[in-house]
Amino acid sequence: MKELLRSTDPTIMAFASALLEGEDIDCFQMDVNMSILEGGIGIFPRRLMVHEDDYYEAVIVMRDNEIPLGR
């Protein structure tokens, strides 16, 4: 698994996950429980992970939909 996106905004994470699933790219959100424990104040970011084989295609999907990857 390779990190595609890191964000404290749950709406961006949900949108990015939906876009990837629409393109048949499996993804997994990490650190969800940690961000819930901190009380929703946005200190701990969530990470969106994809398989290494799907990484470059996932980057294209994010760029086409103007989701910043922070790179």
C-alpha atoms as a PDB file:
ATOM      1  CA  MET A   1       0.000   0.000   0.000  1.00  0.00           C
ATOM      2  CA  LYS A   2       1.177   3.491  -0.803  1.00  0.00           C
ATOM      3  CA  GLU A   3      -0.060   6.788   0.620  1.00  0.00           C
ATOM      4  CA  LEU A   4      -2.006   8.789  -1.919  1.00  0.00           C
ATOM      5  CA  LEU A   5      -3.595  11.527   0.171  1.00  0.00           C
ATOM      6  CA  ARG A   6      -3.350  12.931   3.695  1.00  0.00           C
ATOM      7  CA  SER A   7      -6.048  15.259   4.999  1.00  0.00           C
ATOM      8  CA  THR A   8      -7.873  16.351   8.137  1.00  0.00           C
ATOM      9  CA  ASP A   9     -11.021  17.058   6.093  1.00  0.00           C
ATOM     10  CA  PRO A  10     -13.337  14.004   6.133  1.00  0.00           C
ATOM     11  CA  THR A  11     -15.323  15.315   3.161  1.00  0.00           C
ATOM     12  CA  ILE A  12     -12.242  15.302   0.922  1.00  0.00           C
ATOM     13  CA  MET A  13     -11.436  11.773   2.060  1.00  0.00           C
ATOM     14  CA  ALA A  14     -14.970  10.569   1.306  1.00  0.00           C
ATOM     15  CA  PHE A  15     -14.991  12.270  -2.105  1.00  0.00           C
ATOM     16  CA  ALA A  16     -11.565  10.884  -3.032  1.00  0.00           C
ATOM     17  CA  SER A  17     -12.592   7.379  -1.930  1.00  0.00           C
ATOM     18  CA  ALA A  18     -15.769   7.561  -4.010  1.00  0.00           C
ATOM     19  CA  LEU A  19     -13.838   8.729  -7.082  1.00  0.00           C
ATOM     20  CA  LEU A  20     -11.332   5.894  -6.741  1.00  0.00           C
ATOM     21  CA  GLU A  21     -14.025   3.275  -6.215  1.00  0.00           C
ATOM     22  CA  GLY A  22     -15.769   4.606  -9.330  1.00  0.00           C
ATOM     23  CA  GLU A  23     -12.588   3.855 -11.270  1.00  0.00           C
ATOM     24  CA  ASP A  24     -12.301   0.353  -9.702  1.00  0.00           C
ATOM     25  CA  ILE A  25      -9.246   1.350  -7.659  1.00  0.00           C
ATOM     26  CA  ASP A  26      -9.255  -0.179  -4.199  1.00  0.00           C
ATOM     27  CA  CYS A  27      -8.404   2.232  -1.399  1.00  0.00           C
ATOM     28  CA  PHE A  28      -8.234   2.160   2.378  1.00  0.00           C
ATOM     29  CA  GLN A  29      -8.448   4.999   4.900  1.00  0.00           C
ATOM     30  CA  MET A  30      -5.942   4.766   7.727  1.00  0.00           C
ATOM     31  CA  ASP A  31      -5.891   6.642  11.040  1.00  0.00           C
ATOM     32  CA  VAL A  32      -9.681   7.037  11.075  1.00  0.00           C
ATOM     33  CA  ASN A  33      -9.945   5.898  14.689  1.00  0.00           C
ATOM     34  CA  MET A  34      -7.178   8.254  15.795  1.00  0.00           C
ATOM     35  CA  SER A  35      -8.876  11.237  14.185  1.00  0.00           C
ATOM     36  CA  ILE A  36     -12.146  10.289  15.915  1.00  0.00           C
ATOM     37  CA  LEU A  37     -10.413  10.029  19.308  1.00  0.00           C
ATOM     38  CA  GLU A  38      -9.024  13.558  19.062  1.00  0.00           C
ATOM     39  CA  GLY A  39     -12.557  14.905  19.111  1.00  0.00           C
ATOM     40  CA  GLY A  40     -12.931  16.254  15.584  1.00  0.00           C
ATOM     41  CA  ILE A  41     -10.670  19.277  16.062  1.00  0.00           C
ATOM     42  CA  GLY A  42      -8.554  18.282  13.064  1.00  0.00           C
ATOM     43  CA  ILE A  43      -5.151  17.620  14.588  1.00  0.00           C
ATOM     44  CA  PHE A  44      -4.523  14.116  13.252  1.00  0.00           C
ATOM     45  CA  PRO A  45      -4.873  13.675   9.495  1.00  0.00           C
ATOM     46  CA  ARG A  46      -6.321  10.600   7.862  1.00  0.00           C
ATOM     47  CA  ARG A  47      -4.357   8.825   5.147  1.00  0.00           C
ATOM     48  CA  LEU A  48      -5.810   7.345   1.977  1.00  0.00           C
ATOM     49  CA  MET A  49      -3.841   4.331   0.802  1.00  0.00           C
ATOM     50  CA  VAL A  50      -3.895   2.555  -2.571  1.00  0.00           C
ATOM     51  CA  HIS A  51      -2.086  -0.479  -3.927  1.00  0.00           C
ATOM     52  CA  GLU A  52       1.286   0.337  -5.465  1.00  0.00           C
ATOM     53  CA  ASP A  53       0.150  -0.970  -8.859  1.00  0.00           C
ATOM     54  CA  ASP A  54      -2.783   1.478  -8.866  1.00  0.00           C
ATOM     55  CA  TYR A  55      -0.878   4.490  -7.506  1.00  0.00           C
ATOM     56  CA  TYR A  56      -0.180   6.367 -10.756  1.00  0.00           C
ATOM     57  CA  GLU A  57      -3.712   5.866 -12.051  1.00  0.00           C
ATOM     58  CA  ALA A  58      -5.047   7.114  -8.684  1.00  0.00           C
ATOM     59  CA  VAL A  59      -2.850  10.237  -8.905  1.00  0.00           C
ATOM     60  CA  ILE A  60      -4.338  10.983 -12.325  1.00  0.00           C
ATOM     61  CA  VAL A  61      -7.874  10.631 -10.939  1.00  0.00           C
ATOM     62  CA  MET A  62      -7.060  13.040  -8.086  1.00  0.00           C
ATOM     63  CA  ARG A  63      -5.478  15.619 -10.408  1.00  0.00           C
ATOM     64  CA  ASP A  64      -8.353  15.408 -12.906  1.00  0.00           C
ATOM     65  CA  ASN A  65     -10.754  16.244 -10.061  1.00  0.00           C
ATOM     66  CA  GLU A  66      -8.524  18.980  -8.603  1.00  0.00           C
ATOM     67  CA  ILE A  67      -7.917  17.229  -5.286  1.00  0.00           C
ATOM     68  CA  PRO A  68      -4.581  18.525  -3.935  1.00  0.00           C
ATOM     69  CA  LEU A  69      -2.120  15.796  -3.010  1.00  0.00           C
ATOM     70  CA  GLY A  70       0.323  18.100  -1.259  1.00  0.00           C
ATOM     71  CA  ARG A  71       3.254  17.273  -3.524  1.00  0.00           C
END
